[in-house]
Each structure stands twice: as structure tokens, then as C-alpha cells.
């Protein structure tokens, strides 16, 4: 089912519908500032496992990424040095995934993970959803197979036709892109860009 949301005038009633679905253990597809993604509440193990199954990856081996609504939420689940904090503050919200060491507040399913990817997209729709949820949302980009036409990953109506049955809602935030985020590893003393994507890092 498609729910239309607008960045400039986000309907809180529809945001609540989406959040209720997340709290119920459902999956959603939603816009970011890069590609459309699929996500769930990080505190629902069955939902996390459903995403891993969709991606064809073992839960123990999947690189985990969370969407937070601000840096204060990041600090609840990951360790940040002063350098990391300042770099993230300069570049977020934005099209970046920052790799940080996780902390003891990570859900039980993720305790064996040493690192976690953190996203705060420059997209007010998904940040409103996470803010209403009150905790991070697990996120992963939609699967892209060589034998499929990639254009449908940018169009919410086509996404709904292809994948709508496996999620509760497809959040329509307009036509997306196929540009991935830039991945920045902050687990060492200095940062390292491990994938250059849409974001240009401001040092």
C-alpha cells in the first residue's frame, strides 16, 4: 500500500500510521536522500530477519545500518570520538553512511557486531518517521539484480507493484535516484572513505 508524504508538509497522521506498522513488526519502503530503502524497527528481531532474508544474507554476516533522526540518537547506540562528532556534525543530515563502533545499547540481535553504519539522511520524511518511532530504524537499499530493470527502484508506484506485497507501506516521497551514499569509516583515529557515492565530505 502506498502512502504519499511530502518533505515540505509532512502529514503527521500518515507518519503515525507508518510508525504503528513498524512497531507491529512490519517492513516499510521509504525515500532517503539517495536511493529508496527498506527498513524496520531495530528492536524487532523477526522484522530484521525478514530484511536479511530478502537480501539473501545471514543475519550474523549482514553489515548493519541504522537511520537516526539526529546525532543525539546516534550517541545512544554508537561510540563517537570528538573528531568523529565534529565531522558528522559538519556533514549531516546528508548522503553519508558513517561507520562507528557500536555500544552496549545495541539490540541483543546485534550484540556480536563490532560496528554499525549510521545514516541521518537529508530527507525530512524519513527523519520524521524515525523521530516519531523514538529509536533508530534498520535500513538497507533495495536489492538490485543484474537481470532486473533498475529504473523501478526510483519510482514508488513501480516499487509498489514489484515489492508491495512484502511490506506494509511504500512511502511515496517522489522519484528517487540510483546514487548510493558515501561510506566513511570512523572506527580509527582518522577517517577513511571506503565508498565514494553521492556525498562530498566536508572536512
N, C-alpha and C. Protein backbone atom coordinates (compact mmCIF):
# COMPACT_ATOMS: atom_id res chain seq x y z
N UNK A 1 0.84 -1.20 0.00
CA UNK A 1 0.00 0.00 0.00
C UNK A 1 0.88 1.26 0.00
N UNK A 2 0.53 2.20 -0.85
CA UNK A 2 1.30 3.44 -0.94
C UNK A 2 0.74 4.50 0.02
N UNK A 3 1.64 5.15 0.73
CA UNK A 3 1.29 6.35 1.50
C UNK A 3 2.13 7.50 0.95
N UNK A 4 1.48 8.55 0.53
CA UNK A 4 2.17 9.70 -0.04
C UNK A 4 2.50 10.70 1.07
N UNK A 5 3.78 11.05 1.18
CA UNK A 5 4.22 12.05 2.15
C UNK A 5 5.07 13.09 1.44
N UNK A 6 5.03 14.31 1.94
CA UNK A 6 5.74 15.41 1.33
C UNK A 6 6.78 15.97 2.29
N UNK A 7 7.96 16.29 1.76
CA UNK A 7 9.02 16.82 2.62
C UNK A 7 8.65 18.16 3.24
N UNK A 8 7.98 19.01 2.48
CA UNK A 8 7.68 20.35 2.96
C UNK A 8 6.47 20.42 3.88
N UNK A 9 5.59 19.41 3.77
CA UNK A 9 4.36 19.44 4.57
C UNK A 9 3.98 18.01 4.93
N UNK A 10 4.75 17.41 5.85
CA UNK A 10 4.56 16.01 6.21
C UNK A 10 3.32 15.84 7.08
N UNK A 11 2.42 14.97 6.63
CA UNK A 11 1.17 14.72 7.35
C UNK A 11 1.45 13.81 8.54
N UNK A 12 1.33 14.33 9.76
CA UNK A 12 1.69 13.57 10.95
C UNK A 12 0.80 12.34 11.13
N UNK A 13 -0.47 12.42 10.69
CA UNK A 13 -1.36 11.26 10.83
C UNK A 13 -0.85 10.08 10.00
N UNK A 14 -0.34 10.37 8.81
CA UNK A 14 0.21 9.31 7.98
C UNK A 14 1.54 8.81 8.53
N UNK A 15 2.33 9.71 9.11
CA UNK A 15 3.58 9.31 9.76
C UNK A 15 3.27 8.32 10.89
N UNK A 16 2.25 8.61 11.67
CA UNK A 16 1.85 7.73 12.78
C UNK A 16 1.42 6.36 12.26
N UNK A 17 0.72 6.32 11.14
CA UNK A 17 0.33 5.03 10.52
C UNK A 17 1.56 4.20 10.20
N UNK A 18 2.55 4.85 9.62
CA UNK A 18 3.78 4.16 9.25
C UNK A 18 4.50 3.66 10.49
N UNK A 19 4.58 4.49 11.51
CA UNK A 19 5.27 4.11 12.75
C UNK A 19 4.53 2.98 13.46
N UNK A 20 3.21 3.02 13.45
CA UNK A 20 2.44 1.91 14.05
C UNK A 20 2.77 0.59 13.36
N UNK A 21 2.95 0.64 12.04
CA UNK A 21 3.32 -0.57 11.29
C UNK A 21 4.70 -1.06 11.72
N UNK A 22 5.65 -0.15 11.89
CA UNK A 22 6.99 -0.52 12.33
C UNK A 22 6.95 -1.16 13.72
N UNK A 23 6.18 -0.56 14.61
CA UNK A 23 6.08 -1.11 15.97
C UNK A 23 5.39 -2.47 15.99
N UNK A 24 4.60 -2.73 14.94
CA UNK A 24 3.89 -4.00 14.82
C UNK A 24 4.76 -5.08 14.18
N UNK A 25 6.01 -4.70 13.81
CA UNK A 25 6.92 -5.67 13.22
C UNK A 25 6.88 -5.72 11.71
N UNK A 26 6.20 -4.77 11.08
CA UNK A 26 6.13 -4.75 9.62
C UNK A 26 7.34 -4.06 9.01
N UNK A 27 7.55 -4.33 7.73
CA UNK A 27 8.59 -3.66 6.95
C UNK A 27 7.97 -2.51 6.17
N UNK A 28 8.78 -1.50 5.88
CA UNK A 28 8.34 -0.40 5.03
C UNK A 28 9.43 -0.10 4.00
N UNK A 29 9.03 0.50 2.90
CA UNK A 29 9.95 1.03 1.91
C UNK A 29 9.77 2.54 1.91
N UNK A 30 10.86 3.29 1.84
CA UNK A 30 10.77 4.73 2.07
C UNK A 30 11.88 5.46 1.32
N UNK A 31 11.70 6.76 1.12
CA UNK A 31 12.72 7.55 0.42
C UNK A 31 13.83 7.99 1.37
N UNK A 32 15.01 8.20 0.80
CA UNK A 32 16.10 8.84 1.54
C UNK A 32 16.62 9.97 0.64
N UNK A 33 17.79 10.48 0.95
CA UNK A 33 18.38 11.49 0.07
C UNK A 33 19.24 10.83 -1.01
N UNK A 34 19.25 9.50 -1.03
CA UNK A 34 19.96 8.75 -2.08
C UNK A 34 18.95 7.81 -2.75
N UNK A 35 19.00 6.53 -2.40
CA UNK A 35 18.11 5.55 -3.03
C UNK A 35 16.92 5.24 -2.11
N UNK A 36 15.87 4.67 -2.68
CA UNK A 36 14.79 4.13 -1.85
C UNK A 36 15.34 2.94 -1.07
N UNK A 37 14.84 2.76 0.14
CA UNK A 37 15.37 1.73 1.02
C UNK A 37 14.23 0.97 1.69
N UNK A 38 14.59 -0.16 2.28
CA UNK A 38 13.64 -0.96 3.04
C UNK A 38 14.12 -1.00 4.48
N UNK A 39 13.18 -0.91 5.43
CA UNK A 39 13.60 -0.84 6.82
C UNK A 39 12.58 -1.38 7.79
N UNK A 40 13.00 -1.42 9.06
CA UNK A 40 12.14 -1.91 10.13
C UNK A 40 12.66 -1.35 11.45
N UNK A 41 11.90 -1.58 12.50
CA UNK A 41 12.32 -1.20 13.86
C UNK A 41 13.48 -2.09 14.28
N UNK A 42 14.60 -1.51 14.73
CA UNK A 42 15.77 -2.31 15.10
C UNK A 42 15.50 -3.22 16.29
N UNK A 43 14.44 -2.95 17.05
CA UNK A 43 14.14 -3.77 18.23
C UNK A 43 13.18 -4.92 17.93
N UNK A 44 12.90 -5.18 16.65
CA UNK A 44 12.02 -6.29 16.28
C UNK A 44 12.84 -7.34 15.53
N UNK A 45 13.31 -8.40 16.22
CA UNK A 45 14.19 -9.39 15.59
C UNK A 45 13.58 -10.06 14.36
N UNK A 46 12.29 -10.37 14.39
CA UNK A 46 11.67 -11.05 13.25
C UNK A 46 11.68 -10.15 12.01
N UNK A 47 11.46 -8.86 12.22
CA UNK A 47 11.48 -7.92 11.10
C UNK A 47 12.89 -7.80 10.54
N UNK A 48 13.89 -7.73 11.41
CA UNK A 48 15.28 -7.66 10.96
C UNK A 48 15.63 -8.91 10.16
N UNK A 49 15.22 -10.06 10.66
CA UNK A 49 15.49 -11.31 9.95
C UNK A 49 14.79 -11.36 8.60
N UNK A 50 13.61 -10.77 8.52
CA UNK A 50 12.88 -10.73 7.25
C UNK A 50 13.65 -9.91 6.21
N UNK A 51 14.25 -8.80 6.66
CA UNK A 51 15.05 -7.99 5.74
C UNK A 51 16.29 -8.75 5.29
N UNK A 52 16.95 -9.44 6.22
CA UNK A 52 18.13 -10.23 5.87
C UNK A 52 17.77 -11.33 4.88
N UNK A 53 16.62 -11.94 5.07
CA UNK A 53 16.16 -12.98 4.14
C UNK A 53 15.92 -12.39 2.76
N UNK A 54 15.30 -11.21 2.72
CA UNK A 54 15.06 -10.54 1.44
C UNK A 54 16.37 -10.25 0.72
N UNK A 55 17.39 -9.84 1.48
CA UNK A 55 18.69 -9.52 0.88
C UNK A 55 19.52 -10.78 0.60
N UNK A 56 19.08 -11.92 1.14
CA UNK A 56 19.80 -13.16 0.94
C UNK A 56 21.10 -13.23 1.72
N UNK A 57 21.09 -12.61 2.92
CA UNK A 57 22.30 -12.55 3.74
C UNK A 57 22.00 -13.06 5.15
N UNK A 58 22.93 -13.84 5.71
CA UNK A 58 22.80 -14.31 7.08
C UNK A 58 22.80 -13.12 8.03
N UNK A 59 21.91 -13.16 9.03
CA UNK A 59 21.81 -12.07 10.00
C UNK A 59 23.14 -11.76 10.65
N UNK A 60 23.94 -12.81 10.90
CA UNK A 60 25.22 -12.64 11.59
C UNK A 60 26.27 -11.98 10.70
N UNK A 61 26.06 -12.03 9.38
CA UNK A 61 27.06 -11.52 8.44
C UNK A 61 26.67 -10.18 7.81
N UNK A 62 25.43 -9.78 7.99
CA UNK A 62 24.96 -8.58 7.33
C UNK A 62 25.56 -7.33 7.96
N UNK A 63 26.04 -6.42 7.11
CA UNK A 63 26.50 -5.13 7.61
C UNK A 63 25.29 -4.29 7.97
N UNK A 64 25.22 -3.87 9.21
CA UNK A 64 24.02 -3.20 9.70
C UNK A 64 24.12 -1.70 9.57
N UNK A 65 23.06 -1.11 9.09
CA UNK A 65 22.98 0.35 9.04
C UNK A 65 21.68 0.81 9.67
N UNK A 66 21.77 1.87 10.45
CA UNK A 66 20.61 2.45 11.12
C UNK A 66 20.35 3.85 10.58
N UNK A 67 19.10 4.25 10.56
CA UNK A 67 18.74 5.64 10.32
C UNK A 67 18.37 6.27 11.65
N UNK A 68 19.00 7.38 11.96
CA UNK A 68 18.68 8.16 13.15
C UNK A 68 18.12 9.50 12.73
N UNK A 69 17.42 10.17 13.64
CA UNK A 69 16.86 11.49 13.27
C UNK A 69 17.81 12.63 13.61
N UNK A 70 18.76 12.38 14.52
CA UNK A 70 19.76 13.40 14.84
C UNK A 70 20.96 12.74 15.51
N UNK A 71 22.01 13.53 15.76
CA UNK A 71 23.24 12.97 16.30
C UNK A 71 23.07 12.51 17.75
N UNK A 72 22.16 13.14 18.49
CA UNK A 72 21.94 12.70 19.88
C UNK A 72 21.42 11.27 19.91
N UNK A 73 20.61 10.88 18.93
CA UNK A 73 20.14 9.48 18.86
C UNK A 73 21.30 8.56 18.51
N UNK A 74 22.21 9.02 17.65
CA UNK A 74 23.39 8.23 17.30
C UNK A 74 24.18 7.88 18.55
N UNK A 75 24.37 8.88 19.44
CA UNK A 75 25.20 8.68 20.63
C UNK A 75 24.63 7.65 21.59
N UNK A 76 23.34 7.36 21.46
CA UNK A 76 22.72 6.35 22.32
C UNK A 76 23.12 4.93 21.92
N UNK A 77 23.55 4.74 20.66
CA UNK A 77 23.79 3.38 20.17
C UNK A 77 25.19 3.17 19.61
N UNK A 78 25.99 4.22 19.51
CA UNK A 78 27.33 4.10 18.94
C UNK A 78 28.31 4.99 19.68
N UNK A 79 29.59 4.62 19.61
CA UNK A 79 30.65 5.40 20.24
C UNK A 79 31.18 6.44 19.25
N UNK A 80 31.33 7.67 19.73
CA UNK A 80 31.83 8.74 18.88
C UNK A 80 32.96 9.48 19.58
N UNK A 81 34.11 9.58 18.91
CA UNK A 81 35.17 10.44 19.41
C UNK A 81 34.80 11.89 19.12
N UNK A 82 35.52 12.82 19.70
CA UNK A 82 35.27 14.24 19.43
C UNK A 82 35.47 14.56 17.95
N UNK A 83 36.49 13.93 17.35
CA UNK A 83 36.77 14.14 15.92
C UNK A 83 35.61 13.64 15.07
N UNK A 84 35.13 12.44 15.42
CA UNK A 84 34.01 11.86 14.67
C UNK A 84 32.77 12.72 14.80
N UNK A 85 32.50 13.17 16.02
CA UNK A 85 31.33 14.01 16.26
C UNK A 85 31.38 15.28 15.41
N UNK A 86 32.53 15.94 15.39
CA UNK A 86 32.65 17.19 14.64
C UNK A 86 32.49 16.96 13.15
N UNK A 87 33.05 15.86 12.63
CA UNK A 87 32.94 15.55 11.21
C UNK A 87 31.50 15.26 10.83
N UNK A 88 30.82 14.49 11.67
CA UNK A 88 29.42 14.16 11.40
C UNK A 88 28.54 15.41 11.50
N UNK A 89 28.84 16.25 12.48
CA UNK A 89 28.06 17.48 12.67
C UNK A 89 28.14 18.38 11.44
N UNK A 90 29.32 18.39 10.79
CA UNK A 90 29.50 19.24 9.61
C UNK A 90 28.79 18.69 8.38
N UNK A 91 28.56 17.38 8.35
CA UNK A 91 28.09 16.74 7.12
C UNK A 91 26.67 16.15 7.19
N UNK A 92 26.07 16.23 8.35
CA UNK A 92 24.72 15.65 8.49
C UNK A 92 23.70 16.72 8.86
N UNK A 93 22.45 16.57 8.40
CA UNK A 93 21.95 15.50 7.54
C UNK A 93 22.61 15.54 6.15
N UNK A 94 22.79 14.37 5.56
CA UNK A 94 23.41 14.30 4.26
C UNK A 94 23.54 12.87 3.76
N UNK A 95 24.01 12.69 2.52
CA UNK A 95 24.06 11.37 1.88
C UNK A 95 25.30 10.57 2.27
N UNK A 96 25.45 10.34 3.56
CA UNK A 96 26.62 9.62 4.08
C UNK A 96 26.18 8.47 4.97
N UNK A 97 27.00 7.41 4.96
CA UNK A 97 26.90 6.35 5.96
C UNK A 97 28.20 6.38 6.74
N UNK A 98 28.12 6.68 8.03
CA UNK A 98 29.31 6.72 8.88
C UNK A 98 29.40 5.42 9.67
N UNK A 99 30.56 4.77 9.58
CA UNK A 99 30.80 3.52 10.29
C UNK A 99 31.40 3.83 11.66
N UNK A 100 30.71 3.40 12.70
CA UNK A 100 31.14 3.65 14.08
C UNK A 100 31.15 2.35 14.87
N UNK A 101 31.85 2.34 15.98
CA UNK A 101 31.77 1.21 16.91
C UNK A 101 30.44 1.27 17.64
N UNK A 102 29.77 0.11 17.76
CA UNK A 102 28.53 0.06 18.50
C UNK A 102 28.78 0.08 19.99
N UNK A 103 27.72 0.35 20.76
CA UNK A 103 27.86 0.31 22.21
C UNK A 103 26.88 -0.69 22.83
N UNK A 104 26.80 -0.72 24.14
CA UNK A 104 26.03 -1.74 24.84
C UNK A 104 24.51 -1.60 24.66
N UNK A 105 24.05 -0.49 24.11
CA UNK A 105 22.61 -0.29 23.92
C UNK A 105 22.09 -0.91 22.63
N UNK A 106 22.98 -1.45 21.82
CA UNK A 106 22.51 -2.11 20.61
C UNK A 106 21.58 -3.26 20.97
N UNK A 107 20.54 -3.51 20.18
CA UNK A 107 19.64 -4.63 20.46
C UNK A 107 20.41 -5.95 20.53
N UNK A 108 19.86 -6.91 21.26
CA UNK A 108 20.51 -8.19 21.50
C UNK A 108 20.95 -8.88 20.22
N UNK A 109 20.13 -8.77 19.18
CA UNK A 109 20.43 -9.42 17.91
C UNK A 109 21.74 -8.91 17.31
N UNK A 110 22.13 -7.69 17.67
CA UNK A 110 23.31 -7.07 17.08
C UNK A 110 24.52 -7.05 18.00
N UNK A 111 24.43 -7.69 19.15
CA UNK A 111 25.49 -7.59 20.15
C UNK A 111 26.83 -8.08 19.62
N UNK A 112 26.80 -9.07 18.71
CA UNK A 112 28.06 -9.61 18.20
C UNK A 112 28.71 -8.70 17.17
N UNK A 113 27.99 -7.66 16.75
CA UNK A 113 28.53 -6.73 15.76
C UNK A 113 29.43 -5.70 16.45
N UNK A 114 30.62 -5.50 15.89
CA UNK A 114 31.53 -4.51 16.46
C UNK A 114 31.25 -3.11 15.92
N UNK A 115 30.72 -3.06 14.70
CA UNK A 115 30.49 -1.75 14.08
C UNK A 115 29.06 -1.65 13.54
N UNK A 116 28.64 -0.43 13.33
CA UNK A 116 27.31 -0.17 12.78
C UNK A 116 27.40 1.03 11.86
N UNK A 117 26.65 1.00 10.76
CA UNK A 117 26.58 2.14 9.85
C UNK A 117 25.48 3.09 10.31
N UNK A 118 25.78 4.36 10.33
CA UNK A 118 24.81 5.36 10.79
C UNK A 118 24.45 6.31 9.65
N UNK A 119 23.15 6.50 9.45
CA UNK A 119 22.67 7.45 8.44
C UNK A 119 21.72 8.46 9.08
N UNK A 120 21.89 9.72 8.71
CA UNK A 120 20.90 10.76 9.01
C UNK A 120 20.64 11.45 7.67
N UNK A 121 19.71 10.93 6.88
CA UNK A 121 19.52 11.45 5.53
C UNK A 121 18.99 12.88 5.50
N UNK A 122 19.33 13.58 4.44
CA UNK A 122 18.79 14.91 4.22
C UNK A 122 17.42 14.75 3.55
N UNK A 123 16.52 14.13 4.28
CA UNK A 123 15.16 13.87 3.82
C UNK A 123 14.25 13.94 5.04
N UNK A 124 13.40 14.93 5.09
CA UNK A 124 12.60 15.17 6.29
C UNK A 124 11.52 14.11 6.51
N UNK A 125 11.15 13.38 5.44
CA UNK A 125 10.12 12.34 5.58
C UNK A 125 10.62 11.21 6.47
N UNK A 126 11.76 10.65 6.11
CA UNK A 126 12.27 9.51 6.88
C UNK A 126 12.71 9.95 8.27
N UNK A 127 13.23 11.17 8.41
CA UNK A 127 13.61 11.64 9.75
C UNK A 127 12.38 11.83 10.63
N UNK A 128 11.26 12.26 10.05
CA UNK A 128 10.01 12.39 10.81
C UNK A 128 9.52 11.03 11.28
N UNK A 129 9.66 10.02 10.43
CA UNK A 129 9.25 8.66 10.81
C UNK A 129 10.08 8.15 11.98
N UNK A 130 11.41 8.32 11.89
CA UNK A 130 12.31 7.85 12.95
C UNK A 130 12.09 8.64 14.24
N UNK A 131 11.86 9.93 14.12
CA UNK A 131 11.60 10.76 15.30
C UNK A 131 10.35 10.29 16.03
N UNK A 132 9.30 10.00 15.28
CA UNK A 132 8.05 9.51 15.88
C UNK A 132 8.24 8.12 16.48
N UNK A 133 9.06 7.29 15.82
CA UNK A 133 9.34 5.94 16.33
C UNK A 133 10.09 6.01 17.66
N UNK A 134 11.00 6.95 17.78
CA UNK A 134 11.72 7.13 19.04
C UNK A 134 13.00 6.34 19.17
N UNK A 135 13.37 5.58 18.17
CA UNK A 135 14.62 4.84 18.13
C UNK A 135 15.01 4.61 16.67
N UNK A 136 16.24 4.20 16.42
CA UNK A 136 16.67 4.05 15.03
C UNK A 136 15.87 3.00 14.27
N UNK A 137 15.91 3.13 12.96
CA UNK A 137 15.29 2.17 12.06
C UNK A 137 16.40 1.48 11.27
N UNK A 138 16.37 0.16 11.21
CA UNK A 138 17.33 -0.54 10.37
C UNK A 138 17.05 -0.19 8.92
N UNK A 139 18.11 -0.03 8.13
CA UNK A 139 17.92 0.36 6.74
C UNK A 139 18.86 -0.39 5.82
N UNK A 140 18.39 -0.70 4.64
CA UNK A 140 19.22 -1.25 3.58
C UNK A 140 18.60 -0.87 2.24
N UNK A 141 19.44 -0.61 1.28
CA UNK A 141 18.92 -0.22 -0.03
C UNK A 141 18.18 -1.38 -0.67
N UNK A 142 17.27 -1.06 -1.57
CA UNK A 142 16.53 -2.11 -2.27
C UNK A 142 17.49 -2.96 -3.09
N UNK A 143 17.21 -4.25 -3.11
CA UNK A 143 18.07 -5.18 -3.82
C UNK A 143 18.10 -4.88 -5.31
N UNK A 144 19.29 -4.96 -5.90
CA UNK A 144 19.43 -4.70 -7.33
C UNK A 144 20.06 -5.90 -8.00
N UNK A 145 19.31 -6.57 -8.86
CA UNK A 145 19.80 -7.75 -9.57
C UNK A 145 20.13 -7.37 -11.01
N UNK A 146 21.14 -8.02 -11.56
CA UNK A 146 21.57 -7.71 -12.92
C UNK A 146 20.48 -7.99 -13.96
N UNK A 147 19.57 -8.92 -13.63
CA UNK A 147 18.57 -9.28 -14.62
C UNK A 147 17.27 -8.48 -14.47
N UNK A 148 17.30 -7.44 -13.63
CA UNK A 148 16.11 -6.62 -13.44
C UNK A 148 16.38 -5.18 -13.92
N UNK A 149 15.31 -4.53 -14.32
CA UNK A 149 15.42 -3.14 -14.76
C UNK A 149 15.54 -2.25 -13.52
N UNK A 150 16.65 -1.54 -13.40
CA UNK A 150 16.91 -0.80 -12.16
C UNK A 150 16.03 0.44 -12.02
N UNK A 151 15.46 0.92 -13.12
CA UNK A 151 14.68 2.14 -13.05
C UNK A 151 13.52 2.04 -12.06
N UNK A 152 12.98 0.84 -11.88
CA UNK A 152 11.82 0.75 -11.00
C UNK A 152 12.16 1.06 -9.54
N UNK A 153 13.44 1.01 -9.20
CA UNK A 153 13.84 1.33 -7.84
C UNK A 153 13.72 2.82 -7.52
N UNK A 154 13.49 3.64 -8.53
CA UNK A 154 13.38 5.08 -8.31
C UNK A 154 11.93 5.56 -8.27
N UNK A 155 11.00 4.73 -8.70
CA UNK A 155 9.59 5.12 -8.85
C UNK A 155 8.73 4.40 -7.83
N UNK A 156 8.15 5.11 -6.85
CA UNK A 156 7.37 4.46 -5.79
C UNK A 156 6.23 3.58 -6.30
N UNK A 157 5.56 3.99 -7.38
CA UNK A 157 4.45 3.18 -7.90
C UNK A 157 4.96 1.86 -8.47
N UNK A 158 6.09 1.90 -9.18
CA UNK A 158 6.68 0.67 -9.70
C UNK A 158 7.25 -0.19 -8.58
N UNK A 159 7.82 0.46 -7.57
CA UNK A 159 8.31 -0.28 -6.39
C UNK A 159 7.16 -1.03 -5.74
N UNK A 160 6.01 -0.35 -5.61
CA UNK A 160 4.83 -0.97 -5.00
C UNK A 160 4.36 -2.17 -5.82
N UNK A 161 4.40 -2.05 -7.13
CA UNK A 161 4.00 -3.17 -7.99
C UNK A 161 4.91 -4.38 -7.80
N UNK A 162 6.21 -4.12 -7.66
CA UNK A 162 7.19 -5.19 -7.56
C UNK A 162 7.31 -5.78 -6.15
N UNK A 163 7.29 -4.89 -5.15
CA UNK A 163 7.64 -5.31 -3.79
C UNK A 163 6.56 -5.02 -2.75
N UNK A 164 5.44 -4.45 -3.18
CA UNK A 164 4.42 -4.01 -2.23
C UNK A 164 3.87 -5.12 -1.34
N UNK A 165 3.88 -6.36 -1.83
CA UNK A 165 3.30 -7.46 -1.05
C UNK A 165 4.16 -7.85 0.15
N UNK A 166 5.43 -7.50 0.12
CA UNK A 166 6.30 -7.92 1.23
C UNK A 166 6.44 -6.86 2.32
N UNK A 167 5.84 -5.69 2.09
CA UNK A 167 5.92 -4.62 3.09
C UNK A 167 4.52 -4.11 3.40
N UNK A 168 4.41 -3.44 4.54
CA UNK A 168 3.12 -2.85 4.92
C UNK A 168 2.83 -1.61 4.10
N UNK A 169 3.85 -0.74 3.98
CA UNK A 169 3.68 0.52 3.24
C UNK A 169 4.87 0.79 2.35
N UNK A 170 4.60 1.35 1.19
CA UNK A 170 5.61 2.02 0.38
C UNK A 170 5.36 3.51 0.55
N UNK A 171 6.31 4.19 1.17
CA UNK A 171 6.16 5.62 1.41
C UNK A 171 6.62 6.37 0.16
N UNK A 172 5.69 7.02 -0.49
CA UNK A 172 5.97 7.75 -1.72
C UNK A 172 6.43 9.16 -1.38
N UNK A 173 7.72 9.40 -1.59
CA UNK A 173 8.27 10.73 -1.37
C UNK A 173 8.75 11.36 -2.66
N UNK A 174 8.22 10.87 -3.79
CA UNK A 174 8.64 11.38 -5.09
C UNK A 174 9.66 10.45 -5.74
N UNK A 175 10.06 10.80 -6.94
CA UNK A 175 11.02 9.98 -7.69
C UNK A 175 12.39 10.05 -7.01
N UNK A 176 12.99 8.88 -6.82
CA UNK A 176 14.30 8.81 -6.17
C UNK A 176 15.43 8.77 -7.17
N UNK A 177 16.62 8.43 -6.68
CA UNK A 177 17.80 8.32 -7.54
C UNK A 177 18.40 6.92 -7.39
N UNK A 178 19.46 6.66 -8.14
CA UNK A 178 20.19 5.41 -8.01
C UNK A 178 21.59 5.65 -7.44
N UNK A 179 21.79 6.84 -6.87
CA UNK A 179 23.09 7.20 -6.31
C UNK A 179 23.21 6.70 -4.87
N UNK A 180 24.21 5.88 -4.55
CA UNK A 180 24.38 5.41 -3.18
C UNK A 180 25.00 6.47 -2.29
N UNK A 181 24.96 6.24 -0.99
CA UNK A 181 25.61 7.16 -0.05
C UNK A 181 27.12 6.96 -0.08
N UNK A 182 27.83 7.95 0.37
CA UNK A 182 29.28 7.84 0.58
C UNK A 182 29.51 7.19 1.94
N UNK A 183 30.35 6.15 1.98
CA UNK A 183 30.62 5.44 3.23
C UNK A 183 31.93 5.95 3.82
N UNK A 184 31.87 6.37 5.09
CA UNK A 184 33.04 6.92 5.78
C UNK A 184 33.29 6.10 7.04
N UNK A 185 34.46 5.47 7.12
CA UNK A 185 34.83 4.66 8.29
C UNK A 185 35.44 5.57 9.35
N UNK A 186 34.79 5.61 10.52
CA UNK A 186 35.26 6.45 11.63
C UNK A 186 35.72 5.60 12.83
N UNK A 187 36.09 4.35 12.58
CA UNK A 187 36.47 3.47 13.68
C UNK A 187 37.94 3.62 14.07
N UNK A 188 38.72 4.33 13.26
CA UNK A 188 40.13 4.57 13.56
C UNK A 188 40.34 6.04 13.95
N UNK A 189 41.58 6.40 14.24
CA UNK A 189 41.88 7.77 14.65
C UNK A 189 41.54 8.77 13.54
N UNK A 190 41.78 8.35 12.28
CA UNK A 190 41.46 9.21 11.15
C UNK A 190 40.36 8.53 10.33
N UNK A 191 39.62 9.32 9.59
CA UNK A 191 38.53 8.74 8.80
C UNK A 191 39.07 8.15 7.49
N UNK A 192 38.30 7.23 6.90
CA UNK A 192 38.63 6.65 5.61
C UNK A 192 37.35 6.53 4.79
N UNK A 193 37.37 7.06 3.58
CA UNK A 193 36.23 6.91 2.68
C UNK A 193 36.36 5.56 1.98
N UNK A 194 35.45 4.65 2.27
CA UNK A 194 35.53 3.31 1.70
C UNK A 194 34.65 3.16 0.47
N UNK A 195 33.72 4.10 0.27
CA UNK A 195 32.96 4.14 -0.98
C UNK A 195 32.57 5.58 -1.26
N UNK A 196 32.96 6.09 -2.41
CA UNK A 196 32.57 7.42 -2.78
C UNK A 196 31.23 7.36 -3.50
N UNK A 197 30.23 7.96 -2.91
CA UNK A 197 28.91 7.99 -3.51
C UNK A 197 28.47 9.41 -3.75
N UNK A 198 27.21 9.67 -3.44
CA UNK A 198 26.63 10.99 -3.72
C UNK A 198 27.25 12.09 -2.87
N UNK A 199 27.60 11.79 -1.63
CA UNK A 199 28.06 12.81 -0.71
C UNK A 199 29.52 13.20 -0.90
N UNK A 200 29.80 14.50 -0.87
CA UNK A 200 31.17 15.02 -0.88
C UNK A 200 31.49 15.51 0.53
N UNK A 201 32.42 14.84 1.18
CA UNK A 201 32.68 15.10 2.59
C UNK A 201 33.32 16.47 2.82
N UNK A 202 32.79 17.20 3.78
CA UNK A 202 33.37 18.48 4.20
C UNK A 202 34.22 18.23 5.44
N UNK A 203 35.51 18.46 5.33
CA UNK A 203 36.42 18.16 6.46
C UNK A 203 36.40 19.26 7.50
